[in-house]
PDB file of all heavy atoms in Angstrom:
ATOM      1  N   GLU A   1      -9.697  14.692  21.878  1.00  0.00           N
ATOM      2  CA  GLU A   1     -10.997  14.779  22.395  1.00  0.00           C
ATOM      3  C   GLU A   1     -11.017  15.247  23.958  1.00  0.00           C
ATOM      4  O   GLU A   1     -12.033  15.467  24.530  1.00  0.00           O
ATOM      5  CB  GLU A   1     -11.875  13.683  22.220  1.00  0.00           C
ATOM      6  CG  GLU A   1     -11.587  12.426  22.862  1.00  0.00           C
ATOM      7  CD  GLU A   1     -10.582  11.515  22.133  1.00  0.00           C
ATOM      8  OE1 GLU A   1      -9.858  12.151  21.246  1.00  0.00           O
ATOM      9  OE2 GLU A   1     -10.453  10.322  22.286  1.00  0.00           O
ATOM     10  N   SER A   2      -9.732  15.042  24.665  1.00  0.00           N
ATOM     11  CA  SER A   2      -9.679  15.530  26.003  1.00  0.00           C
ATOM     12  C   SER A   2      -9.593  16.989  26.062  1.00  0.00           C
ATOM     13  O   SER A   2      -9.747  17.628  27.186  1.00  0.00           O
ATOM     14  CB  SER A   2      -8.339  14.854  26.575  1.00  0.00           C
ATOM     15  OG  SER A   2      -7.315  15.352  26.128  1.00  0.00           O
ATOM     16  N   ILE A   3      -9.359  17.701  24.954  1.00  0.00           N
ATOM     17  CA  ILE A   3      -9.238  19.121  24.823  1.00  0.00           C
ATOM     18  C   ILE A   3     -10.394  19.757  24.152  1.00  0.00           C
ATOM     19  O   ILE A   3     -10.902  20.913  24.584  1.00  0.00           O
ATOM     20  CB  ILE A   3      -7.991  19.582  24.304  1.00  0.00           C
ATOM     21  CG1 ILE A   3      -6.789  19.047  25.165  1.00  0.00           C
ATOM     22  CG2 ILE A   3      -7.776  21.063  24.324  1.00  0.00           C
ATOM     23  CD1 ILE A   3      -5.384  19.162  24.604  1.00  0.00           C
ATOM     24  N   VAL A   4     -10.860  19.192  23.069  1.00  0.00           N
ATOM     25  CA  VAL A   4     -11.909  19.634  22.242  1.00  0.00           C
ATOM     26  C   VAL A   4     -13.072  18.673  22.187  1.00  0.00           C
ATOM     27  O   VAL A   4     -12.811  17.522  21.996  1.00  0.00           O
ATOM     28  CB  VAL A   4     -11.366  19.917  20.829  1.00  0.00           C
ATOM     29  CG1 VAL A   4     -12.506  20.568  19.972  1.00  0.00           C
ATOM     30  CG2 VAL A   4     -10.182  20.825  20.727  1.00  0.00           C
ATOM     31  N   SER A   5     -14.227  19.143  22.420  1.00  0.00           N
ATOM     32  CA  SER A   5     -15.413  18.190  22.405  1.00  0.00           C
ATOM     33  C   SER A   5     -15.609  17.694  21.026  1.00  0.00           C
ATOM     34  O   SER A   5     -15.775  18.519  20.086  1.00  0.00           O
ATOM     35  CB  SER A   5     -16.674  18.869  22.931  1.00  0.00           C
ATOM     36  OG  SER A   5     -17.686  18.051  22.821  1.00  0.00           O
ATOM     37  N   THR A   6     -15.694  16.303  20.838  1.00  0.00           N
ATOM     38  CA  THR A   6     -15.999  15.729  19.578  1.00  0.00           C
ATOM     39  C   THR A   6     -17.346  15.091  19.623  1.00  0.00           C
ATOM     40  O   THR A   6     -17.769  14.349  18.649  1.00  0.00           O
ATOM     41  CB  THR A   6     -14.965  14.746  19.029  1.00  0.00           C
ATOM     42  OG1 THR A   6     -14.876  13.721  20.153  1.00  0.00           O
ATOM     43  CG2 THR A   6     -13.613  15.504  19.009  1.00  0.00           C
ATOM     44  N   SER A   7     -18.159  15.381  20.646  1.00  0.00           N
ATOM     45  CA  SER A   7     -19.493  14.632  20.728  1.00  0.00           C
ATOM     46  C   SER A   7     -20.348  15.170  19.695  1.00  0.00           C
ATOM     47  O   SER A   7     -20.799  16.359  19.729  1.00  0.00           O
ATOM     48  CB  SER A   7     -20.042  14.948  22.166  1.00  0.00           C
ATOM     49  OG  SER A   7     -19.243  14.219  23.176  1.00  0.00           O
ATOM     50  N   PRO A   8     -20.869  14.404  18.843  1.00  0.00           N
ATOM     51  CA  PRO A   8     -21.792  14.848  17.779  1.00  0.00           C
ATOM     52  C   PRO A   8     -23.116  15.146  18.151  1.00  0.00           C
ATOM     53  O   PRO A   8     -23.597  14.654  19.243  1.00  0.00           O
ATOM     54  CB  PRO A   8     -21.702  13.709  16.707  1.00  0.00           C
ATOM     55  CG  PRO A   8     -21.510  12.511  17.509  1.00  0.00           C
ATOM     56  CD  PRO A   8     -20.566  12.908  18.657  1.00  0.00           C
ATOM     57  N   SER A   9     -23.777  15.999  17.384  1.00  0.00           N
ATOM     58  CA  SER A   9     -25.200  16.344  17.724  1.00  0.00           C
ATOM     59  C   SER A   9     -26.053  15.067  17.193  1.00  0.00           C
ATOM     60  O   SER A   9     -25.680  14.285  16.520  1.00  0.00           O
ATOM     61  CB  SER A   9     -25.576  17.575  16.904  1.00  0.00           C
ATOM     62  OG  SER A   9     -25.619  17.209  15.561  1.00  0.00           O
ATOM     63  N   LEU A  10     -27.365  15.026  17.804  1.00  0.00           N
ATOM     64  CA  LEU A  10     -28.263  14.015  17.564  1.00  0.00           C
ATOM     65  C   LEU A  10     -28.524  13.900  16.036  1.00  0.00           C
ATOM     66  O   LEU A  10     -28.507  12.784  15.568  1.00  0.00           O
ATOM     67  CB  LEU A  10     -29.509  14.131  18.311  1.00  0.00           C
ATOM     68  CG  LEU A  10     -30.589  13.054  18.236  1.00  0.00           C
ATOM     69  CD1 LEU A  10     -29.840  11.676  18.614  1.00  0.00           C
ATOM     70  CD2 LEU A  10     -31.653  13.252  19.112  1.00  0.00           C
ATOM     71  N   PRO A  11     -28.775  14.921  15.462  1.00  0.00           N
ATOM     72  CA  PRO A  11     -29.018  14.767  14.018  1.00  0.00           C
ATOM     73  C   PRO A  11     -27.930  14.150  13.257  1.00  0.00           C
ATOM     74  O   PRO A  11     -28.061  13.411  12.280  1.00  0.00           O
ATOM     75  CB  PRO A  11     -29.361  16.288  13.522  1.00  0.00           C
ATOM     76  CG  PRO A  11     -29.900  16.855  14.752  1.00  0.00           C
ATOM     77  CD  PRO A  11     -29.166  16.347  15.842  1.00  0.00           C
ATOM     78  N   PHE A  12     -26.789  14.699  13.534  1.00  0.00           N
ATOM     79  CA  PHE A  12     -25.590  14.104  12.903  1.00  0.00           C
ATOM     80  C   PHE A  12     -25.410  12.673  13.084  1.00  0.00           C
ATOM     81  O   PHE A  12     -25.083  11.910  12.250  1.00  0.00           O
ATOM     82  CB  PHE A  12     -24.318  14.804  13.309  1.00  0.00           C
ATOM     83  CG  PHE A  12     -22.982  14.482  12.764  1.00  0.00           C
ATOM     84  CD1 PHE A  12     -22.527  15.180  11.597  1.00  0.00           C
ATOM     85  CD2 PHE A  12     -22.217  13.445  13.102  1.00  0.00           C
ATOM     86  CE1 PHE A  12     -21.448  14.838  10.936  1.00  0.00           C
ATOM     87  CE2 PHE A  12     -21.028  13.096  12.339  1.00  0.00           C
ATOM     88  CZ  PHE A  12     -20.697  13.832  11.368  1.00  0.00           C
ATOM     89  N   VAL A  13     -25.639  12.247  14.412  1.00  0.00           N
ATOM     90  CA  VAL A  13     -25.586  10.887  14.816  1.00  0.00           C
ATOM     91  C   VAL A  13     -26.540   9.992  13.916  1.00  0.00           C
ATOM     92  O   VAL A  13     -26.240   8.931  13.375  1.00  0.00           O
ATOM     93  CB  VAL A  13     -25.928  10.611  16.279  1.00  0.00           C
ATOM     94  CG1 VAL A  13     -25.933   9.113  16.584  1.00  0.00           C
ATOM     95  CG2 VAL A  13     -24.859  11.187  17.082  1.00  0.00           C
ATOM     96  N   ILE A  14     -27.819  10.508  13.839  1.00  0.00           N
ATOM     97  CA  ILE A  14     -28.826   9.735  12.992  1.00  0.00           C
ATOM     98  C   ILE A  14     -28.446   9.724  11.555  1.00  0.00           C
ATOM     99  O   ILE A  14     -28.452   8.515  11.053  1.00  0.00           O
ATOM    100  CB  ILE A  14     -30.102  10.368  13.196  1.00  0.00           C
ATOM    101  CG1 ILE A  14     -30.632  10.240  14.697  1.00  0.00           C
ATOM    102  CG2 ILE A  14     -31.200   9.858  12.308  1.00  0.00           C
ATOM    103  CD1 ILE A  14     -31.827  11.043  15.001  1.00  0.00           C
ATOM    104  N   ARG A  15     -28.123  10.846  11.071  1.00  0.00           N
ATOM    105  CA  ARG A  15     -27.647  10.794   9.556  1.00  0.00           C
ATOM    106  C   ARG A  15     -26.535   9.829   9.235  1.00  0.00           C
ATOM    107  O   ARG A  15     -26.498   8.975   8.413  1.00  0.00           O
ATOM    108  CB  ARG A  15     -27.264  12.148   9.166  1.00  0.00           C
ATOM    109  CG  ARG A  15     -28.384  13.109   8.950  1.00  0.00           C
ATOM    110  CD  ARG A  15     -27.935  14.468   8.183  1.00  0.00           C
ATOM    111  NE  ARG A  15     -26.769  14.927   8.628  1.00  0.00           N
ATOM    112  CZ  ARG A  15     -26.768  15.959   9.548  1.00  0.00           C
ATOM    113  NH1 ARG A  15     -27.766  16.352  10.078  1.00  0.00           N
ATOM    114  NH2 ARG A  15     -25.515  16.498   9.941  1.00  0.00           N
ATOM    115  N   THR A  16     -25.511   9.811  10.172  1.00  0.00           N
ATOM    116  CA  THR A  16     -24.268   9.005   9.976  1.00  0.00           C
ATOM    117  C   THR A  16     -24.564   7.464  10.016  1.00  0.00           C
ATOM    118  O   THR A  16     -24.169   6.666   9.317  1.00  0.00           O
ATOM    119  CB  THR A  16     -23.079   9.423  10.992  1.00  0.00           C
ATOM    120  OG1 THR A  16     -22.939  10.796  10.843  1.00  0.00           O
ATOM    121  CG2 THR A  16     -21.853   8.604  10.672  1.00  0.00           C
ATOM    122  N   LEU A  17     -25.353   7.232  11.267  1.00  0.00           N
ATOM    123  CA  LEU A  17     -25.685   5.827  11.378  1.00  0.00           C
ATOM    124  C   LEU A  17     -26.559   5.245  10.206  1.00  0.00           C
ATOM    125  O   LEU A  17     -26.428   4.111   9.824  1.00  0.00           O
ATOM    126  CB  LEU A  17     -26.386   5.709  12.647  1.00  0.00           C
ATOM    127  CG  LEU A  17     -25.575   5.840  14.046  1.00  0.00           C
ATOM    128  CD1 LEU A  17     -26.325   5.690  15.304  1.00  0.00           C
ATOM    129  CD2 LEU A  17     -24.373   4.927  13.998  1.00  0.00           C
ATOM    130  N   LEU A  18     -27.458   6.110   9.756  1.00  0.00           N
ATOM    131  CA  LEU A  18     -28.335   5.752   8.591  1.00  0.00           C
ATOM    132  C   LEU A  18     -27.434   5.349   7.349  1.00  0.00           C
ATOM    133  O   LEU A  18     -27.733   4.401   6.563  1.00  0.00           O
ATOM    134  CB  LEU A  18     -29.341   6.641   8.297  1.00  0.00           C
ATOM    135  CG  LEU A  18     -30.635   6.575   9.298  1.00  0.00           C
ATOM    136  CD1 LEU A  18     -31.496   7.729   8.848  1.00  0.00           C
ATOM    137  CD2 LEU A  18     -31.342   5.247   9.056  1.00  0.00           C
ATOM    138  N   ALA A  19     -26.478   6.256   7.110  1.00  0.00           N
ATOM    139  CA  ALA A  19     -25.621   6.155   6.000  1.00  0.00           C
ATOM    140  C   ALA A  19     -24.796   4.943   6.143  1.00  0.00           C
ATOM    141  O   ALA A  19     -24.492   4.300   5.116  1.00  0.00           O
ATOM    142  CB  ALA A  19     -24.718   7.345   5.728  1.00  0.00           C
ATOM    143  N   GLU A  20     -24.198   4.648   7.303  1.00  0.00           N
ATOM    144  CA  GLU A  20     -23.457   3.474   7.528  1.00  0.00           C
ATOM    145  C   GLU A  20     -24.119   2.093   7.607  1.00  0.00           C
ATOM    146  O   GLU A  20     -23.601   1.261   6.984  1.00  0.00           O
ATOM    147  CB  GLU A  20     -22.552   3.706   8.791  1.00  0.00           C
ATOM    148  CG  GLU A  20     -21.516   2.754   8.995  1.00  0.00           C
ATOM    149  CD  GLU A  20     -20.366   2.775   8.134  1.00  0.00           C
ATOM    150  OE1 GLU A  20     -20.102   3.736   7.521  1.00  0.00           O
ATOM    151  OE2 GLU A  20     -19.693   1.745   7.948  1.00  0.00           O
ATOM    152  N   PHE A  21     -25.224   2.137   8.321  1.00  0.00           N
ATOM    153  CA  PHE A  21     -25.863   0.805   8.602  1.00  0.00           C
ATOM    154  C   PHE A  21     -27.356   0.703   8.135  1.00  0.00           C
ATOM    155  O   PHE A  21     -27.931  -0.265   8.253  1.00  0.00           O
ATOM    156  CB  PHE A  21     -25.848   0.538  10.044  1.00  0.00           C
ATOM    157  CG  PHE A  21     -24.524   0.559  10.676  1.00  0.00           C
ATOM    158  CD1 PHE A  21     -24.116   1.590  11.515  1.00  0.00           C
ATOM    159  CD2 PHE A  21     -23.526  -0.342  10.440  1.00  0.00           C
ATOM    160  CE1 PHE A  21     -22.804   1.734  12.075  1.00  0.00           C
ATOM    161  CE2 PHE A  21     -22.335  -0.439  10.974  1.00  0.00           C
ATOM    162  CZ  PHE A  21     -21.931   0.697  11.794  1.00  0.00           C
ATOM    163  N   GLY A  22     -27.848   1.810   7.534  1.00  0.00           N
ATOM    164  CA  GLY A  22     -29.331   1.769   7.142  1.00  0.00           C
ATOM    165  C   GLY A  22     -29.598   1.112   5.809  1.00  0.00           C
ATOM    166  O   GLY A  22     -28.572   0.541   5.194  1.00  0.00           O
ATOM    167  N   PRO A  23     -30.740   1.260   5.302  1.00  0.00           N
ATOM    168  CA  PRO A  23     -31.135   0.679   4.029  1.00  0.00           C
ATOM    169  C   PRO A  23     -30.384   1.298   2.805  1.00  0.00           C
ATOM    170  O   PRO A  23     -29.941   2.432   2.981  1.00  0.00           O
ATOM    171  CB  PRO A  23     -32.662   0.912   4.046  1.00  0.00           C
ATOM    172  CG  PRO A  23     -32.900   2.128   4.803  1.00  0.00           C
ATOM    173  CD  PRO A  23     -31.883   2.030   6.013  1.00  0.00           C
ATOM    174  N   LYS A  24     -30.145   0.586   1.789  1.00  0.00           N
ATOM    175  CA  LYS A  24     -29.490   1.070   0.666  1.00  0.00           C
ATOM    176  C   LYS A  24     -30.352   1.257  -0.541  1.00  0.00           C
ATOM    177  O   LYS A  24     -30.051   0.859  -1.677  1.00  0.00           O
ATOM    178  CB  LYS A  24     -28.384   0.065   0.227  1.00  0.00           C
ATOM    179  CG  LYS A  24     -27.409  -0.341   1.358  1.00  0.00           C
ATOM    180  CD  LYS A  24     -26.753   0.868   2.085  1.00  0.00           C
ATOM    181  CE  LYS A  24     -25.836   0.549   3.179  1.00  0.00           C
ATOM    182  NZ  LYS A  24     -25.210   1.683   3.891  1.00  0.00           N
ATOM    183  N   TRP A  25     -31.557   1.938  -0.369  1.00  0.00           N
ATOM    184  CA  TRP A  25     -32.467   2.283  -1.327  1.00  0.00           C
ATOM    185  C   TRP A  25     -32.929   3.647  -1.151  1.00  0.00           C
ATOM    186  O   TRP A  25     -32.803   4.327  -0.110  1.00  0.00           O
ATOM    187  CB  TRP A  25     -33.638   1.199  -1.382  1.00  0.00           C
ATOM    188  CG  TRP A  25     -34.162   0.875   0.056  1.00  0.00           C
ATOM    189  CD1 TRP A  25     -33.859  -0.120   0.789  1.00  0.00           C
ATOM    190  CD2 TRP A  25     -35.147   1.815   0.748  1.00  0.00           C
ATOM    191  NE1 TRP A  25     -34.562  -0.092   1.934  1.00  0.00           N
ATOM    192  CE2 TRP A  25     -35.234   1.058   1.942  1.00  0.00           C
ATOM    193  CE3 TRP A  25     -35.805   2.845   0.558  1.00  0.00           C
ATOM    194  CZ2 TRP A  25     -36.091   1.494   2.962  1.00  0.00           C
ATOM    195  CZ3 TRP A  25     -36.567   3.462   1.555  1.00  0.00           C
ATOM    196  CH2 TRP A  25     -36.776   2.715   2.703  1.00  0.00           C
ATOM    197  N   GLY A  26     -33.659   4.255  -2.289  1.00  0.00           N
ATOM    198  CA  GLY A  26     -34.211   5.504  -2.258  1.00  0.00           C
ATOM    199  C   GLY A  26     -33.000   6.475  -1.774  1.00  0.00           C
ATOM    200  O   GLY A  26     -31.918   6.590  -2.186  1.00  0.00           O
ATOM    201  N   PRO A  27     -33.436   7.472  -0.861  1.00  0.00           N
ATOM    202  CA  PRO A  27     -32.483   8.572  -0.392  1.00  0.00           C
ATOM    203  C   PRO A  27     -31.243   7.968   0.308  1.00  0.00           C
ATOM    204  O   PRO A  27     -30.307   8.690   0.548  1.00  0.00           O
ATOM    205  CB  PRO A  27     -33.319   9.354   0.550  1.00  0.00           C
ATOM    206  CG  PRO A  27     -34.443   8.401   0.996  1.00  0.00           C
ATOM    207  CD  PRO A  27     -34.665   7.479  -0.116  1.00  0.00           C
ATOM    208  N   PHE A  28     -31.396   6.661   0.786  1.00  0.00           N
ATOM    209  CA  PHE A  28     -30.184   6.082   1.386  1.00  0.00           C
ATOM    210  C   PHE A  28     -29.348   5.336   0.476  1.00  0.00           C
ATOM    211  O   PHE A  28     -28.330   4.672   1.015  1.00  0.00           O
ATOM    212  CB  PHE A  28     -30.784   5.103   2.562  1.00  0.00           C
ATOM    213  CG  PHE A  28     -31.731   5.771   3.484  1.00  0.00           C
ATOM    214  CD1 PHE A  28     -33.071   5.447   3.368  1.00  0.00           C
ATOM    215  CD2 PHE A  28     -31.288   6.757   4.368  1.00  0.00           C
ATOM    216  CE1 PHE A  28     -34.069   5.932   4.167  1.00  0.00           C
ATOM    217  CE2 PHE A  28     -32.263   7.287   5.207  1.00  0.00           C
ATOM    218  CZ  PHE A  28     -33.489   6.967   5.180  1.00  0.00           C
ATOM    219  N   LYS A  29     -29.587   5.493  -0.880  1.00  0.00           N
ATOM    220  CA  LYS A  29     -28.647   4.711  -1.749  1.00  0.00           C
ATOM    221  C   LYS A  29     -27.324   5.225  -1.631  1.00  0.00           C
ATOM    222  O   LYS A  29     -27.097   6.424  -1.440  1.00  0.00           O
ATOM    223  CB  LYS A  29     -29.225   4.982  -3.234  1.00  0.00           C
ATOM    224  CG  LYS A  29     -28.558   4.162  -4.227  1.00  0.00           C
ATOM    225  CD  LYS A  29     -29.209   4.423  -5.613  1.00  0.00           C
ATOM    226  CE  LYS A  29     -30.578   3.900  -5.677  1.00  0.00           C
ATOM    227  NZ  LYS A  29     -31.234   4.114  -7.092  1.00  0.00           N
ATOM    228  N   PRO A  30     -26.280   4.355  -1.768  1.00  0.00           N
ATOM    229  CA  PRO A  30     -24.955   4.868  -1.601  1.00  0.00           C
ATOM    230  C   PRO A  30     -24.563   6.008  -2.549  1.00  0.00           C
ATOM    231  O   PRO A  30     -25.125   6.024  -3.677  1.00  0.00           O
ATOM    232  CB  PRO A  30     -24.048   3.529  -1.894  1.00  0.00           C
ATOM    233  CG  PRO A  30     -24.884   2.437  -1.608  1.00  0.00           C
ATOM    234  CD  PRO A  30     -26.239   2.883  -1.912  1.00  0.00           C
ATOM    235  N   SER A  31     -23.676   6.850  -2.220  1.00  0.00           N
ATOM    236  CA  SER A  31     -23.420   7.990  -2.987  1.00  0.00           C
ATOM    237  C   SER A  31     -22.757   7.698  -4.333  1.00  0.00           C
ATOM    238  O   SER A  31     -22.890   8.415  -5.235  1.00  0.00           O
ATOM    239  CB  SER A  31     -22.511   8.971  -2.289  1.00  0.00           C
ATOM    240  OG  SER A  31     -21.261   8.408  -1.895  1.00  0.00           O
ATOM    241  N   THR A  32     -22.061   6.538  -4.369  1.00  0.00           N
ATOM    242  CA  THR A  32     -21.565   6.012  -5.729  1.00  0.00           C
ATOM    243  C   THR A  32     -22.733   5.917  -6.740  1.00  0.00           C
ATOM    244  O   THR A  32     -22.504   6.194  -7.872  1.00  0.00           O
ATOM    245  CB  THR A  32     -20.923   4.639  -5.632  1.00  0.00           C
ATOM    246  OG1 THR A  32     -21.742   3.742  -4.761  1.00  0.00           O
ATOM    247  CG2 THR A  32     -19.602   4.756  -4.844  1.00  0.00           C
ATOM    248  N   GLU A  33     -23.975   5.537  -6.353  1.00  0.00           N
ATOM    249  CA  GLU A  33     -25.009   5.373  -7.266  1.00  0.00           C
ATOM    250  C   GLU A  33     -25.772   6.657  -7.477  1.00  0.00           C
ATOM    251  O   GLU A  33     -26.255   6.926  -8.567  1.00  0.00           O
ATOM    252  CB  GLU A  33     -26.016   4.307  -6.765  1.00  0.00           C
ATOM    253  CG  GLU A  33     -25.349   2.897  -6.693  1.00  0.00           C
ATOM    254  CD  GLU A  33     -26.269   1.937  -6.134  1.00  0.00           C
ATOM    255  OE1 GLU A  33     -27.446   1.940  -6.380  1.00  0.00           O
ATOM    256  OE2 GLU A  33     -25.817   1.017  -5.393  1.00  0.00           O
ATOM    257  N   ARG A  34     -25.908   7.540  -6.390  1.00  0.00           N
ATOM    258  CA  ARG A  34     -26.526   8.803  -6.474  1.00  0.00           C
ATOM    259  C   ARG A  34     -25.845   9.748  -7.430  1.00  0.00           C
ATOM    260  O   ARG A  34     -26.425  10.530  -8.139  1.00  0.00           O
ATOM    261  CB  ARG A  34     -26.840   9.370  -5.142  1.00  0.00           C
ATOM    262  CG  ARG A  34     -27.739   8.615  -4.204  1.00  0.00           C
ATOM    263  CD  ARG A  34     -28.320   9.582  -3.118  1.00  0.00           C
ATOM    264  NE  ARG A  34     -27.164  10.297  -2.504  1.00  0.00           N
ATOM    265  CZ  ARG A  34     -26.538   9.842  -1.354  1.00  0.00           C
ATOM    266  NH1 ARG A  34     -26.661   8.657  -0.949  1.00  0.00           N
ATOM    267  NH2 ARG A  34     -25.529  10.699  -0.966  1.00  0.00           N
ATOM    268  N   ASP A  35     -24.436   9.786  -7.211  1.00  0.00           N
ATOM    269  CA  ASP A  35     -23.643  10.822  -7.625  1.00  0.00           C
ATOM    270  C   ASP A  35     -22.630  10.498  -8.791  1.00  0.00           C
ATOM    271  O   ASP A  35     -21.887  11.347  -9.412  1.00  0.00           O
ATOM    272  CB  ASP A  35     -22.832  11.542  -6.702  1.00  0.00           C
ATOM    273  CG  ASP A  35     -23.727  12.096  -5.472  1.00  0.00           C
ATOM    274  OD1 ASP A  35     -24.605  12.860  -5.833  1.00  0.00           O
ATOM    275  OD2 ASP A  35     -23.661  11.526  -4.280  1.00  0.00           O
ATOM    276  N   GLY A  36     -22.690   9.249  -9.300  1.00  0.00           N
ATOM    277  CA  GLY A  36     -21.995   8.871 -10.319  1.00  0.00           C
ATOM    278  C   GLY A  36     -20.533   8.662 -10.128  1.00  0.00           C
ATOM    279  O   GLY A  36     -19.683   8.999 -10.999  1.00  0.00           O
TER     280      GLY A  36
END
């Protein structure tokens, strides 16, 4: 990261944080349950 920027975009940050720490229902349900 001292040579290539790895700073994520704001939408990516929000999506990732919701997937990792957000609610586990509806569209946020873990992919194990959504995709079998």
